[in-house]
Amino acid sequence: MILASYRTNSTVLEQAMAAFIHQLLRVTNTVTQGFNHKLYTGGVFLDVRKEFDRMWHNGLNCKLIQFKIPNYLIVILINYLRNRTFRFKLNHTLADIVNIKAGTPHGSILSPLLYIIYTSDFPKTNQIMNCFFADDTAISTRGSSINYVIHTLQKGQNNIENWCTLWRVAINIDKTQISHVPKRHIQERTKNTLVL
């Protein structure tokens, strides 16, 4: 039993590492191809704040319906998430019981799958490549001018902000990074900036 559990956990870890490496290679290939074709490459690396704790139940329900998941499965999933409560104790005082209206159970095998469904309509455009791994998202683009790259990423960032507001997803600004790779070795200066 212990060996079977280890093999399962090992396989899950191997699959997670393969998914991470795949996304990392996609970003690396975008940068390399941009450099080889003398194009500027820019990227924004986003971190979702508490992705499993903040998943909005009513929003997830809408997305399950959009995916045409059978009603009986939607009822099972929503019942699984609803009617969960919490309370805390501070010093010797016990707080009232509060209903949880967002989030999925920690350690649940369903949580990553539900998160993938929840983020399946993340903004996409032909000009921007999206890379996802768990709560980390990278968007990148290439272009012949740095102004095009900045404008395209800003437009993408605005779309992401609107999507996040609609679906109650919070981006961790402190962990968000912006990067740009010049089309040649000497980094050129620009007056344009990307606004988060």
Protein backbone atom coordinates (compact mmCIF):
# COMPACT_ATOMS: atom_id res chain seq x y z
CA MET A 1 0.00 0.00 0.00
CA ILE A 2 2.79 2.44 0.86
CA LEU A 3 4.63 1.64 -2.39
CA ALA A 4 1.46 2.10 -4.44
CA SER A 5 0.91 5.48 -2.79
CA TYR A 6 4.52 6.46 -3.47
CA ARG A 7 4.24 5.43 -7.13
CA THR A 8 1.04 7.49 -7.52
CA ASN A 9 2.60 10.54 -5.87
CA SER A 10 5.75 10.06 -7.93
CA THR A 11 3.72 9.94 -11.14
CA VAL A 12 1.79 13.09 -10.18
CA LEU A 13 5.06 14.87 -9.43
CA GLU A 14 6.56 13.71 -12.73
CA GLN A 15 3.49 14.93 -14.63
CA ALA A 16 3.59 18.29 -12.85
CA MET A 17 7.28 18.69 -13.67
CA ALA A 18 6.66 17.76 -17.31
CA ALA A 19 3.87 20.36 -17.54
CA PHE A 20 6.12 23.01 -15.98
CA ILE A 21 9.01 22.17 -18.32
CA HIS A 22 6.66 22.27 -21.34
CA GLN A 23 5.47 25.79 -20.43
CA LEU A 24 9.02 26.94 -19.72
CA LEU A 25 10.15 25.63 -23.11
CA ARG A 26 7.32 27.49 -24.84
CA VAL A 27 8.47 30.78 -23.29
CA THR A 28 12.13 30.01 -24.05
CA ASN A 29 11.33 29.14 -27.68
CA THR A 30 9.39 32.40 -28.09
CA VAL A 31 12.37 34.40 -26.84
CA THR A 32 14.85 32.41 -28.97
CA GLN A 33 12.77 32.71 -32.14
CA GLY A 34 12.35 36.45 -31.54
CA PHE A 35 16.07 36.86 -31.11
CA ASN A 36 16.84 34.73 -34.21
CA HIS A 37 14.41 36.76 -36.34
CA LYS A 38 15.62 40.08 -34.87
CA LEU A 39 12.31 40.75 -33.13
CA TYR A 40 11.69 42.27 -29.75
CA THR A 41 10.09 39.91 -27.24
CA GLY A 42 8.18 41.03 -24.19
CA GLY A 43 6.50 39.12 -21.42
CA VAL A 44 4.41 39.63 -18.33
CA PHE A 45 4.64 36.93 -15.67
CA LEU A 46 1.55 36.89 -13.45
CA ASP A 47 0.87 35.14 -10.16
CA VAL A 48 -2.74 34.50 -9.12
CA ARG A 49 -3.32 35.24 -5.45
CA LYS A 50 -4.67 32.20 -3.56
CA GLU A 51 -6.16 30.58 -6.66
CA PHE A 52 -7.79 27.67 -4.85
CA ASP A 53 -8.99 29.76 -1.89
CA ARG A 54 -10.71 32.41 -4.01
CA MET A 55 -12.43 30.40 -6.74
CA TRP A 56 -15.95 31.90 -6.89
CA HIS A 57 -18.54 29.12 -6.63
CA ASN A 58 -21.28 30.86 -8.65
CA GLY A 59 -18.76 31.67 -11.39
CA LEU A 60 -17.58 28.07 -11.46
CA ASN A 61 -21.19 26.93 -11.74
CA CYS A 62 -21.63 29.17 -14.83
CA LYS A 63 -18.52 27.70 -16.41
CA LEU A 64 -19.55 24.12 -15.72
CA ILE A 65 -22.82 24.87 -17.53
CA GLN A 66 -20.90 26.48 -20.44
CA PHE A 67 -18.81 23.31 -20.70
CA LYS A 68 -22.07 21.35 -21.01
CA ILE A 69 -21.18 19.20 -18.01
CA PRO A 70 -24.20 16.96 -17.25
CA ASN A 71 -26.51 18.52 -14.65
CA TYR A 72 -26.16 15.64 -12.20
CA LEU A 73 -22.35 16.14 -12.14
CA ILE A 74 -22.76 19.90 -11.67
CA VAL A 75 -25.05 19.26 -8.70
CA ILE A 76 -22.49 16.85 -7.20
CA LEU A 77 -19.62 19.32 -7.69
CA ILE A 78 -21.53 22.32 -6.34
CA ASN A 79 -22.77 20.33 -3.33
CA TYR A 80 -19.17 19.23 -2.76
CA LEU A 81 -18.10 22.89 -2.62
CA ARG A 82 -21.09 24.39 -0.83
CA ASN A 83 -22.22 23.99 2.75
CA ARG A 84 -18.62 24.19 3.93
CA THR A 85 -17.98 26.36 6.97
CA PHE A 86 -15.15 27.63 9.08
CA ARG A 87 -14.61 29.29 12.41
CA PHE A 88 -11.58 30.41 14.31
CA LYS A 89 -10.52 30.90 17.87
CA LEU A 90 -8.66 33.98 19.06
CA ASN A 91 -7.28 33.67 22.56
CA HIS A 92 -10.23 32.11 24.41
CA THR A 93 -12.99 33.45 22.15
CA LEU A 94 -14.54 31.22 19.49
CA ALA A 95 -15.93 33.09 16.46
CA ASP A 96 -19.29 32.36 14.87
CA ILE A 97 -19.51 29.75 12.13
CA VAL A 98 -19.22 31.36 8.67
CA ASN A 99 -20.19 29.84 5.31
CA ILE A 100 -17.44 29.56 2.68
CA LYS A 101 -18.60 31.09 -0.63
CA ALA A 102 -15.38 30.67 -2.57
CA GLY A 103 -12.49 28.27 -2.85
CA THR A 104 -11.94 24.56 -3.08
CA PRO A 105 -10.77 22.14 -0.39
CA HIS A 106 -7.01 22.07 0.10
CA GLY A 107 -5.41 18.84 -1.05
CA SER A 108 -8.43 17.83 -3.09
CA ILE A 109 -7.68 16.01 -6.33
CA LEU A 110 -10.56 17.98 -7.91
CA SER A 111 -9.18 21.44 -7.08
CA PRO A 112 -6.64 21.65 -9.97
CA LEU A 113 -9.22 20.34 -12.46
CA LEU A 114 -11.85 22.83 -11.28
CA TYR A 115 -9.26 25.62 -11.52
CA ILE A 116 -8.47 24.64 -15.13
CA ILE A 117 -12.19 24.78 -15.96
CA TYR A 118 -12.51 28.10 -14.11
CA THR A 119 -9.67 29.71 -16.08
CA SER A 120 -10.48 28.07 -19.44
CA ASP A 121 -11.85 31.32 -20.88
CA PHE A 122 -8.78 33.37 -19.90
CA PRO A 123 -8.33 36.12 -22.54
CA LYS A 124 -6.63 34.93 -25.72
CA THR A 125 -5.51 36.80 -28.82
CA ASN A 126 -3.50 35.86 -31.91
CA GLN A 127 -0.80 38.37 -30.96
CA ILE A 128 -0.17 37.03 -27.45
CA MET A 129 0.96 33.59 -26.33
CA ASN A 130 -0.44 32.40 -22.99
CA CYS A 131 1.44 29.88 -20.85
CA PHE A 132 -0.14 28.42 -17.71
CA PHE A 133 1.22 26.37 -14.85
CA ALA A 134 -0.93 26.13 -11.73
CA ASP A 135 -1.34 29.71 -10.47
CA ASP A 136 1.43 31.12 -12.65
CA THR A 137 0.62 32.65 -16.02
CA ALA A 138 2.94 34.14 -18.60
CA ILE A 139 1.85 36.21 -21.58
CA SER A 140 4.35 37.10 -24.27
CA THR A 141 4.52 38.64 -27.70
CA ARG A 142 7.08 39.50 -30.37
CA GLY A 143 7.32 42.39 -32.77
CA SER A 144 9.64 44.45 -34.94
CA SER A 145 9.35 47.46 -32.63
CA ILE A 146 9.41 47.75 -28.87
CA ASN A 147 6.39 50.08 -29.10
CA TYR A 148 4.36 47.29 -30.74
CA VAL A 149 5.39 44.83 -28.01
CA ILE A 150 4.49 47.25 -25.22
CA HIS A 151 1.18 48.24 -26.85
CA THR A 152 0.22 44.59 -27.44
CA LEU A 153 1.11 43.51 -23.90
CA GLN A 154 -0.74 46.52 -22.44
CA LYS A 155 -3.84 45.64 -24.44
CA GLY A 156 -3.54 42.03 -23.25
CA GLN A 157 -3.01 43.17 -19.67
CA ASN A 158 -6.14 45.34 -19.86
CA ASN A 159 -8.17 42.36 -21.12
CA ILE A 160 -6.79 40.20 -18.29
CA GLU A 161 -7.70 42.89 -15.74
CA ASN A 162 -11.29 42.99 -17.04
CA TRP A 163 -11.51 39.18 -16.97
CA CYS A 164 -10.10 39.06 -13.43
CA THR A 165 -12.63 41.64 -12.25
CA LEU A 166 -15.53 39.77 -13.86
CA TRP A 167 -14.53 36.38 -12.40
CA ARG A 168 -13.20 37.67 -9.05
CA VAL A 169 -9.62 36.54 -9.65
CA ALA A 170 -6.89 38.53 -7.87
CA ILE A 171 -3.41 38.97 -9.33
CA ASN A 172 -0.54 39.22 -6.86
CA ILE A 173 1.11 42.44 -8.07
CA ASP A 174 4.14 41.91 -5.80
CA LYS A 175 4.99 38.67 -7.62
CA THR A 176 4.18 39.95 -11.13
CA GLN A 177 7.20 40.60 -13.34
CA ILE A 178 7.64 42.31 -16.70
CA SER A 179 10.51 41.48 -19.03
CA HIS A 180 11.61 42.44 -22.50
CA VAL A 181 14.33 40.99 -24.68
CA PRO A 182 15.85 43.29 -27.31
CA LYS A 183 16.26 42.15 -30.90
CA ARG A 184 20.03 42.49 -30.55
CA HIS A 185 22.54 42.31 -27.72
CA ILE A 186 22.49 46.03 -26.83
CA GLN A 187 19.35 46.93 -24.93
CA GLU A 188 17.64 49.96 -26.46
CA ARG A 189 15.98 52.56 -24.28
CA THR A 190 12.32 53.36 -24.63
CA LYS A 191 10.04 56.02 -23.21
CA ASN A 192 7.00 53.74 -23.23
CA THR A 193 6.08 51.73 -20.17
CA LEU A 194 3.63 48.98 -19.40
CA VAL A 195 1.09 49.76 -16.69
CA LEU A 196 -0.05 47.01 -14.30
